[in-house]
Amino acid sequence: MIEIDHTLLSKDALDNLIIEIITRQTTDYGEVELDIHIKKSQLMKKLHDGDAVIVYSSKEEICDIIRVEDFQIWQGKLEQEAI
């Protein structure tokens, strides 16, 4: 997994990436689906606040947005495997 700095992406590229991720993850199972614009705003806030990061998986050949904590756990596991 490779971290992608969201500040290096153009506004259009970031918007399109977030929309693609949201539409790929449409399984909400709640009583009411959140509006796509609300989900987009929530993800943008998490990215800007440093609570989430964009990652690229070469294994799966997709980008995703995950919690910083999950990315750090993944990095820690890689470091342990390297020892």
PDB file of N, CA and C in Angstrom:
ATOM      1  N   MET A   1       0.841  -1.169   0.000  1.00  0.00           N
ATOM      2  CA  MET A   1       0.000   0.000   0.000  1.00  0.00           C
ATOM      3  C   MET A   1       0.889   1.236   0.000  1.00  0.00           C
ATOM      4  N   ILE A   2       0.535   2.176  -0.847  1.00  0.00           N
ATOM      5  CA  ILE A   2       1.287   3.416  -0.960  1.00  0.00           C
ATOM      6  C   ILE A   2       0.367   4.562  -0.557  1.00  0.00           C
ATOM      7  N   GLU A   3       0.860   5.444   0.307  1.00  0.00           N
ATOM      8  CA  GLU A   3       0.083   6.616   0.689  1.00  0.00           C
ATOM      9  C   GLU A   3       0.203   7.673  -0.401  1.00  0.00           C
ATOM     10  N   ILE A   4      -0.910   8.290  -0.743  1.00  0.00           N
ATOM     11  CA  ILE A   4      -0.937   9.372  -1.722  1.00  0.00           C
ATOM     12  C   ILE A   4      -1.330  10.651  -0.996  1.00  0.00           C
ATOM     13  N   ASP A   5      -0.469  11.656  -1.071  1.00  0.00           N
ATOM     14  CA  ASP A   5      -0.733  12.941  -0.424  1.00  0.00           C
ATOM     15  C   ASP A   5      -1.869  13.645  -1.165  1.00  0.00           C
ATOM     16  N   HIS A   6      -2.998  13.805  -0.493  1.00  0.00           N
ATOM     17  CA  HIS A   6      -4.166  14.400  -1.155  1.00  0.00           C
ATOM     18  C   HIS A   6      -3.925  15.838  -1.586  1.00  0.00           C
ATOM     19  N   THR A   7      -2.977  16.529  -0.961  1.00  0.00           N
ATOM     20  CA  THR A   7      -2.712  17.927  -1.323  1.00  0.00           C
ATOM     21  C   THR A   7      -1.997  18.038  -2.667  1.00  0.00           C
ATOM     22  N   LEU A   8      -1.443  16.932  -3.156  1.00  0.00           N
ATOM     23  CA  LEU A   8      -0.758  16.948  -4.446  1.00  0.00           C
ATOM     24  C   LEU A   8      -1.711  16.720  -5.618  1.00  0.00           C
ATOM     25  N   LEU A   9      -2.937  16.320  -5.315  1.00  0.00           N
ATOM     26  CA  LEU A   9      -3.932  16.082  -6.362  1.00  0.00           C
ATOM     27  C   LEU A   9      -4.666  17.380  -6.693  1.00  0.00           C
ATOM     28  N   SER A  10      -5.025  17.539  -7.958  1.00  0.00           N
ATOM     29  CA  SER A  10      -5.844  18.692  -8.335  1.00  0.00           C
ATOM     30  C   SER A  10      -7.221  18.537  -7.690  1.00  0.00           C
ATOM     31  N   LYS A  11      -7.950  19.647  -7.593  1.00  0.00           N
ATOM     32  CA  LYS A  11      -9.289  19.596  -7.002  1.00  0.00           C
ATOM     33  C   LYS A  11     -10.173  18.614  -7.769  1.00  0.00           C
ATOM     34  N   ASP A  12     -10.119  18.671  -9.103  1.00  0.00           N
ATOM     35  CA  ASP A  12     -10.937  17.766  -9.913  1.00  0.00           C
ATOM     36  C   ASP A  12     -10.546  16.306  -9.703  1.00  0.00           C
ATOM     37  N   ALA A  13      -9.250  16.037  -9.654  1.00  0.00           N
ATOM     38  CA  ALA A  13      -8.789  14.657  -9.456  1.00  0.00           C
ATOM     39  C   ALA A  13      -9.243  14.134  -8.096  1.00  0.00           C
ATOM     40  N   LEU A  14      -9.105  14.966  -7.056  1.00  0.00           N
ATOM     41  CA  LEU A  14      -9.521  14.556  -5.712  1.00  0.00           C
ATOM     42  C   LEU A  14     -11.030  14.335  -5.661  1.00  0.00           C
ATOM     43  N   ASP A  15     -11.794  15.267  -6.234  1.00  0.00           N
ATOM     44  CA  ASP A  15     -13.255  15.119  -6.261  1.00  0.00           C
ATOM     45  C   ASP A  15     -13.664  13.823  -6.956  1.00  0.00           C
ATOM     46  N   ASN A  16     -13.081  13.575  -8.122  1.00  0.00           N
ATOM     47  CA  ASN A  16     -13.428  12.368  -8.879  1.00  0.00           C
ATOM     48  C   ASN A  16     -13.024  11.095  -8.149  1.00  0.00           C
ATOM     49  N   LEU A  17     -11.865  11.119  -7.494  1.00  0.00           N
ATOM     50  CA  LEU A  17     -11.417   9.951  -6.735  1.00  0.00           C
ATOM     51  C   LEU A  17     -12.377   9.653  -5.588  1.00  0.00           C
ATOM     52  N   ILE A  18     -12.762  10.690  -4.860  1.00  0.00           N
ATOM     53  CA  ILE A  18     -13.674  10.506  -3.730  1.00  0.00           C
ATOM     54  C   ILE A  18     -15.030   9.978  -4.210  1.00  0.00           C
ATOM     55  N   ILE A  19     -15.553  10.537  -5.289  1.00  0.00           N
ATOM     56  CA  ILE A  19     -16.833  10.066  -5.833  1.00  0.00           C
ATOM     57  C   ILE A  19     -16.723   8.600  -6.256  1.00  0.00           C
ATOM     58  N   GLU A  20     -15.613   8.236  -6.898  1.00  0.00           N
ATOM     59  CA  GLU A  20     -15.415   6.847  -7.324  1.00  0.00           C
ATOM     60  C   GLU A  20     -15.383   5.912  -6.118  1.00  0.00           C
ATOM     61  N   ILE A  21     -14.697   6.316  -5.058  1.00  0.00           N
ATOM     62  CA  ILE A  21     -14.618   5.490  -3.848  1.00  0.00           C
ATOM     63  C   ILE A  21     -16.001   5.351  -3.210  1.00  0.00           C
ATOM     64  N   ILE A  22     -16.729   6.450  -3.130  1.00  0.00           N
ATOM     65  CA  ILE A  22     -18.067   6.416  -2.525  1.00  0.00           C
ATOM     66  C   ILE A  22     -18.996   5.501  -3.316  1.00  0.00           C
ATOM     67  N   THR A  23     -18.993   5.635  -4.628  1.00  0.00           N
ATOM     68  CA  THR A  23     -19.911   4.820  -5.428  1.00  0.00           C
ATOM     69  C   THR A  23     -19.517   3.348  -5.415  1.00  0.00           C
ATOM     70  N   ARG A  24     -18.233   3.073  -5.217  1.00  0.00           N
ATOM     71  CA  ARG A  24     -17.777   1.680  -5.107  1.00  0.00           C
ATOM     72  C   ARG A  24     -18.229   1.075  -3.781  1.00  0.00           C
ATOM     73  N   GLN A  25     -18.358   1.916  -2.767  1.00  0.00           N
ATOM     74  CA  GLN A  25     -18.727   1.448  -1.422  1.00  0.00           C
ATOM     75  C   GLN A  25     -20.165   1.826  -1.091  1.00  0.00           C
ATOM     76  N   THR A  26     -21.083   1.563  -1.974  1.00  0.00           N
ATOM     77  CA  THR A  26     -22.470   2.001  -1.776  1.00  0.00           C
ATOM     78  C   THR A  26     -23.253   1.155  -0.794  1.00  0.00           C
ATOM     79  N   THR A  27     -22.648   0.141  -0.234  1.00  0.00           N
ATOM     80  CA  THR A  27     -23.355  -0.720   0.706  1.00  0.00           C
ATOM     81  C   THR A  27     -23.384  -0.065   2.077  1.00  0.00           C
ATOM     82  N   ASP A  28     -24.482   0.601   2.386  1.00  0.00           N
ATOM     83  CA  ASP A  28     -24.615   1.320   3.649  1.00  0.00           C
ATOM     84  C   ASP A  28     -25.485   0.541   4.629  1.00  0.00           C
ATOM     85  N   TYR A  29     -26.499  -0.136   4.126  1.00  0.00           N
ATOM     86  CA  TYR A  29     -27.438  -0.944   4.899  1.00  0.00           C
ATOM     87  C   TYR A  29     -28.192  -0.175   5.983  1.00  0.00           C
ATOM     88  N   GLY A  30     -28.054   1.135   5.996  1.00  0.00           N
ATOM     89  CA  GLY A  30     -28.816   1.929   6.951  1.00  0.00           C
ATOM     90  C   GLY A  30     -30.232   2.137   6.439  1.00  0.00           C
ATOM     91  N   GLU A  31     -31.061   2.687   7.313  1.00  0.00           N
ATOM     92  CA  GLU A  31     -32.434   2.973   6.908  1.00  0.00           C
ATOM     93  C   GLU A  31     -32.452   4.012   5.785  1.00  0.00           C
ATOM     94  N   VAL A  32     -31.548   4.998   5.895  1.00  0.00           N
ATOM     95  CA  VAL A  32     -31.497   6.068   4.902  1.00  0.00           C
ATOM     96  C   VAL A  32     -30.073   6.176   4.379  1.00  0.00           C
ATOM     97  N   GLU A  33     -29.928   6.090   3.064  1.00  0.00           N
ATOM     98  CA  GLU A  33     -28.607   6.265   2.460  1.00  0.00           C
ATOM     99  C   GLU A  33     -28.202   7.733   2.596  1.00  0.00           C
ATOM    100  N   LEU A  34     -26.950   7.962   2.975  1.00  0.00           N
ATOM    101  CA  LEU A  34     -26.456   9.328   3.027  1.00  0.00           C
ATOM    102  C   LEU A  34     -26.294   9.854   1.614  1.00  0.00           C
ATOM    103  N   ASP A  35     -26.615  11.106   1.429  1.00  0.00           N
ATOM    104  CA  ASP A  35     -26.422  11.760   0.150  1.00  0.00           C
ATOM    105  C   ASP A  35     -24.940  11.698  -0.227  1.00  0.00           C
ATOM    106  N   ILE A  36     -24.658  11.500  -1.507  1.00  0.00           N
ATOM    107  CA  ILE A  36     -23.277  11.365  -1.966  1.00  0.00           C
ATOM    108  C   ILE A  36     -22.457  12.613  -1.631  1.00  0.00           C
ATOM    109  N   HIS A  37     -23.106  13.787  -1.653  1.00  0.00           N
ATOM    110  CA  HIS A  37     -22.400  15.031  -1.343  1.00  0.00           C
ATOM    111  C   HIS A  37     -22.055  15.119   0.143  1.00  0.00           C
ATOM    112  N   ILE A  38     -22.908  14.556   0.982  1.00  0.00           N
ATOM    113  CA  ILE A  38     -22.621  14.526   2.422  1.00  0.00           C
ATOM    114  C   ILE A  38     -21.443  13.598   2.681  1.00  0.00           C
ATOM    115  N   LYS A  39     -21.460  12.421   2.053  1.00  0.00           N
ATOM    116  CA  LYS A  39     -20.343  11.482   2.214  1.00  0.00           C
ATOM    117  C   LYS A  39     -19.044  12.107   1.718  1.00  0.00           C
ATOM    118  N   LYS A  40     -19.113  12.806   0.579  1.00  0.00           N
ATOM    119  CA  LYS A  40     -17.925  13.455   0.021  1.00  0.00           C
ATOM    120  C   LYS A  40     -17.387  14.498   0.996  1.00  0.00           C
ATOM    121  N   SER A  41     -18.265  15.310   1.555  1.00  0.00           N
ATOM    122  CA  SER A  41     -17.847  16.327   2.528  1.00  0.00           C
ATOM    123  C   SER A  41     -17.205  15.691   3.756  1.00  0.00           C
ATOM    124  N   GLN A  42     -17.771  14.584   4.214  1.00  0.00           N
ATOM    125  CA  GLN A  42     -17.221  13.897   5.382  1.00  0.00           C
ATOM    126  C   GLN A  42     -15.815  13.371   5.096  1.00  0.00           C
ATOM    127  N   LEU A  43     -15.620  12.766   3.914  1.00  0.00           N
ATOM    128  CA  LEU A  43     -14.295  12.249   3.562  1.00  0.00           C
ATOM    129  C   LEU A  43     -13.291  13.380   3.379  1.00  0.00           C
ATOM    130  N   MET A  44     -13.718  14.476   2.743  1.00  0.00           N
ATOM    131  CA  MET A  44     -12.824  15.630   2.562  1.00  0.00           C
ATOM    132  C   MET A  44     -12.378  16.168   3.918  1.00  0.00           C
ATOM    133  N   LYS A  45     -13.305  16.270   4.862  1.00  0.00           N
ATOM    134  CA  LYS A  45     -12.965  16.774   6.194  1.00  0.00           C
ATOM    135  C   LYS A  45     -11.957  15.849   6.868  1.00  0.00           C
ATOM    136  N   LYS A  46     -12.175  14.547   6.768  1.00  0.00           N
ATOM    137  CA  LYS A  46     -11.245  13.588   7.380  1.00  0.00           C
ATOM    138  C   LYS A  46      -9.856  13.700   6.764  1.00  0.00           C
ATOM    139  N   LEU A  47      -9.787  13.893   5.445  1.00  0.00           N
ATOM    140  CA  LEU A  47      -8.487  14.061   4.788  1.00  0.00           C
ATOM    141  C   LEU A  47      -7.807  15.344   5.256  1.00  0.00           C
ATOM    142  N   HIS A  48      -8.553  16.449   5.242  1.00  0.00           N
ATOM    143  CA  HIS A  48      -7.978  17.737   5.626  1.00  0.00           C
ATOM    144  C   HIS A  48      -7.606  17.798   7.105  1.00  0.00           C
ATOM    145  N   ASP A  49      -8.344  17.078   7.945  1.00  0.00           N
ATOM    146  CA  ASP A  49      -8.049  17.049   9.386  1.00  0.00           C
ATOM    147  C   ASP A  49      -6.922  16.078   9.730  1.00  0.00           C
ATOM    148  N   GLY A  50      -6.496  15.275   8.759  1.00  0.00           N
ATOM    149  CA  GLY A  50      -5.436  14.303   9.012  1.00  0.00           C
ATOM    150  C   GLY A  50      -5.925  13.028   9.664  1.00  0.00           C
ATOM    151  N   ASP A  51      -7.238  12.798   9.628  1.00  0.00           N
ATOM    152  CA  ASP A  51      -7.811  11.591  10.228  1.00  0.00           C
ATOM    153  C   ASP A  51      -7.860  10.415   9.255  1.00  0.00           C
ATOM    154  N   ALA A  52      -7.653  10.705   7.962  1.00  0.00           N
ATOM    155  CA  ALA A  52      -7.709   9.667   6.931  1.00  0.00           C
ATOM    156  C   ALA A  52      -6.640   9.950   5.882  1.00  0.00           C
ATOM    157  N   VAL A  53      -6.270   8.904   5.148  1.00  0.00           N
ATOM    158  CA  VAL A  53      -5.285   9.039   4.073  1.00  0.00           C
ATOM    159  C   VAL A  53      -5.780   8.291   2.841  1.00  0.00           C
ATOM    160  N   ILE A  54      -5.296   8.742   1.694  1.00  0.00           N
ATOM    161  CA  ILE A  54      -5.564   8.034   0.449  1.00  0.00           C
ATOM    162  C   ILE A  54      -4.448   7.024   0.264  1.00  0.00           C
ATOM    163  N   VAL A  55      -4.813   5.808  -0.052  1.00  0.00           N
ATOM    164  CA  VAL A  55      -3.812   4.767  -0.294  1.00  0.00           C
ATOM    165  C   VAL A  55      -4.093   4.099  -1.634  1.00  0.00           C
ATOM    166  N   TYR A  56      -3.013   3.603  -2.238  1.00  0.00           N
ATOM    167  CA  TYR A  56      -3.126   2.825  -3.471  1.00  0.00           C
ATOM    168  C   TYR A  56      -2.610   1.427  -3.189  1.00  0.00           C
ATOM    169  N   SER A  57      -3.410   0.441  -3.537  1.00  0.00           N
ATOM    170  CA  SER A  57      -3.020  -0.955  -3.382  1.00  0.00           C
ATOM    171  C   SER A  57      -2.636  -1.501  -4.751  1.00  0.00           C
ATOM    172  N   SER A  58      -1.356  -1.807  -4.923  1.00  0.00           N
ATOM    173  CA  SER A  58      -0.919  -2.375  -6.201  1.00  0.00           C
ATOM    174  C   SER A  58      -1.449  -3.802  -6.366  1.00  0.00           C
ATOM    175  N   LYS A  59      -1.693  -4.465  -5.251  1.00  0.00           N
ATOM    176  CA  LYS A  59      -2.243  -5.824  -5.297  1.00  0.00           C
ATOM    177  C   LYS A  59      -3.662  -5.815  -5.871  1.00  0.00           C
ATOM    178  N   GLU A  60      -4.474  -4.886  -5.377  1.00  0.00           N
ATOM    179  CA  GLU A  60      -5.865  -4.796  -5.825  1.00  0.00           C
ATOM    180  C   GLU A  60      -6.047  -3.797  -6.964  1.00  0.00           C
ATOM    181  N   GLU A  61      -5.021  -2.984  -7.212  1.00  0.00           N
ATOM    182  CA  GLU A  61      -5.033  -1.954  -8.250  1.00  0.00           C
ATOM    183  C   GLU A  61      -6.176  -0.958  -8.071  1.00  0.00           C
ATOM    184  N   ILE A  62      -6.378  -0.524  -6.811  1.00  0.00           N
ATOM    185  CA  ILE A  62      -7.391   0.485  -6.526  1.00  0.00           C
ATOM    186  C   ILE A  62      -6.872   1.461  -5.482  1.00  0.00           C
ATOM    187  N   CYS A  63      -7.495   2.637  -5.463  1.00  0.00           N
ATOM    188  CA  CYS A  63      -7.252   3.610  -4.399  1.00  0.00           C
ATOM    189  C   CYS A  63      -8.388   3.500  -3.403  1.00  0.00           C
ATOM    190  N   ASP A  64      -8.087   3.871  -2.170  1.00  0.00           N
ATOM    191  CA  ASP A  64      -9.103   3.883  -1.132  1.00  0.00           C
ATOM    192  C   ASP A  64      -8.738   4.969  -0.136  1.00  0.00           C
ATOM    193  N   ILE A  65      -9.671   5.306   0.713  1.00  0.00           N
ATOM    194  CA  ILE A  65      -9.426   6.242   1.808  1.00  0.00           C
ATOM    195  C   ILE A  65      -9.639   5.460   3.088  1.00  0.00           C
ATOM    196  N   ILE A  66      -8.592   5.442   3.921  1.00  0.00           N
ATOM    197  CA  ILE A  66      -8.668   4.673   5.165  1.00  0.00           C
ATOM    198  C   ILE A  66      -8.267   5.552   6.340  1.00  0.00           C
ATOM    199  N   ARG A  67      -8.623   5.098   7.527  1.00  0.00           N
ATOM    200  CA  ARG A  67      -8.248   5.830   8.740  1.00  0.00           C
ATOM    201  C   ARG A  67      -6.734   5.816   8.897  1.00  0.00           C
ATOM    202  N   VAL A  68      -6.186   6.904   9.406  1.00  0.00           N
ATOM    203  CA  VAL A  68      -4.748   7.000   9.640  1.00  0.00           C
ATOM    204  C   VAL A  68      -4.289   5.872  10.549  1.00  0.00           C
ATOM    205  N   GLU A  69      -5.081   5.551  11.564  1.00  0.00           N
ATOM    206  CA  GLU A  69      -4.715   4.494  12.505  1.00  0.00           C
ATOM    207  C   GLU A  69      -4.549   3.150  11.793  1.00  0.00           C
ATOM    208  N   ASP A  70      -5.433   2.862  10.862  1.00  0.00           N
ATOM    209  CA  ASP A  70      -5.344   1.600  10.118  1.00  0.00           C
ATOM    210  C   ASP A  70      -4.094   1.569   9.246  1.00  0.00           C
ATOM    211  N   PHE A  71      -3.753   2.704   8.644  1.00  0.00           N
ATOM    212  CA  PHE A  71      -2.550   2.773   7.821  1.00  0.00           C
ATOM    213  C   PHE A  71      -1.305   2.583   8.682  1.00  0.00           C
ATOM    214  N   GLN A  72      -1.297   3.186   9.868  1.00  0.00           N
ATOM    215  CA  GLN A  72      -0.154   3.044  10.772  1.00  0.00           C
ATOM    216  C   GLN A  72      -0.006   1.601  11.249  1.00  0.00           C
ATOM    217  N   ILE A  73      -1.105   0.933  11.517  1.00  0.00           N
ATOM    218  CA  ILE A  73      -1.059  -0.482  11.910  1.00  0.00           C
ATOM    219  C   ILE A  73      -0.464  -1.306  10.780  1.00  0.00           C
ATOM    220  N   TRP A  74      -0.910  -1.048   9.557  1.00  0.00           N
ATOM    221  CA  TRP A  74      -0.389  -1.765   8.391  1.00  0.00           C
ATOM    222  C   TRP A  74       1.113  -1.524   8.240  1.00  0.00           C
ATOM    223  N   GLN A  75       1.555  -0.265   8.419  1.00  0.00           N
ATOM    224  CA  GLN A  75       2.984   0.046   8.322  1.00  0.00           C
ATOM    225  C   GLN A  75       3.774  -0.683   9.405  1.00  0.00           C
ATOM    226  N   GLY A  76       3.218  -0.749  10.619  1.00  0.00           N
ATOM    227  CA  GLY A  76       3.882  -1.444  11.712  1.00  0.00           C
ATOM    228  C   GLY A  76       4.057  -2.922  11.421  1.00  0.00           C
ATOM    229  N   LYS A  77       3.057  -3.529  10.809  1.00  0.00           N
ATOM    230  CA  LYS A  77       3.153  -4.945  10.449  1.00  0.00           C
ATOM    231  C   LYS A  77       4.245  -5.163   9.411  1.00  0.00           C
ATOM    232  N   LEU A  78       4.372  -4.240   8.466  1.00  0.00           N
ATOM    233  CA  LEU A  78       5.431  -4.351   7.459  1.00  0.00           C
ATOM    234  C   LEU A  78       6.810  -4.262   8.100  1.00  0.00           C
ATOM    235  N   GLU A  79       6.946  -3.340   9.052  1.00  0.00           N
ATOM    236  CA  GLU A  79       8.232  -3.181   9.736  1.00  0.00           C
ATOM    237  C   GLU A  79       8.582  -4.437  10.518  1.00  0.00           C
ATOM    238  N   GLN A  80       7.588  -5.061  11.154  1.00  0.00           N
ATOM    239  CA  GLN A  80       7.827  -6.289  11.912  1.00  0.00           C
ATOM    240  C   GLN A  80       8.255  -7.426  10.989  1.00  0.00           C
ATOM    241  N   GLU A  81       7.655  -7.491   9.807  1.00  0.00           N
ATOM    242  CA  GLU A  81       8.009  -8.542   8.850  1.00  0.00           C
ATOM    243  C   GLU A  81       9.423  -8.354   8.319  1.00  0.00           C
ATOM    244  N   ALA A  82       9.884  -7.106   8.281  1.00  0.00           N
ATOM    245  CA  ALA A  82      11.218  -6.813   7.748  1.00  0.00           C
ATOM    246  C   ALA A  82      12.322  -7.177   8.737  1.00  0.00           C
ATOM    247  N   ILE A  83      11.955  -7.314  10.004  1.00  0.00           N
ATOM    248  CA  ILE A  83      12.963  -7.612  11.043  1.00  0.00           C
ATOM    249  C   ILE A  83      13.361  -9.065  11.012  1.00  0.00           C
TER     250      ILE A  83
END
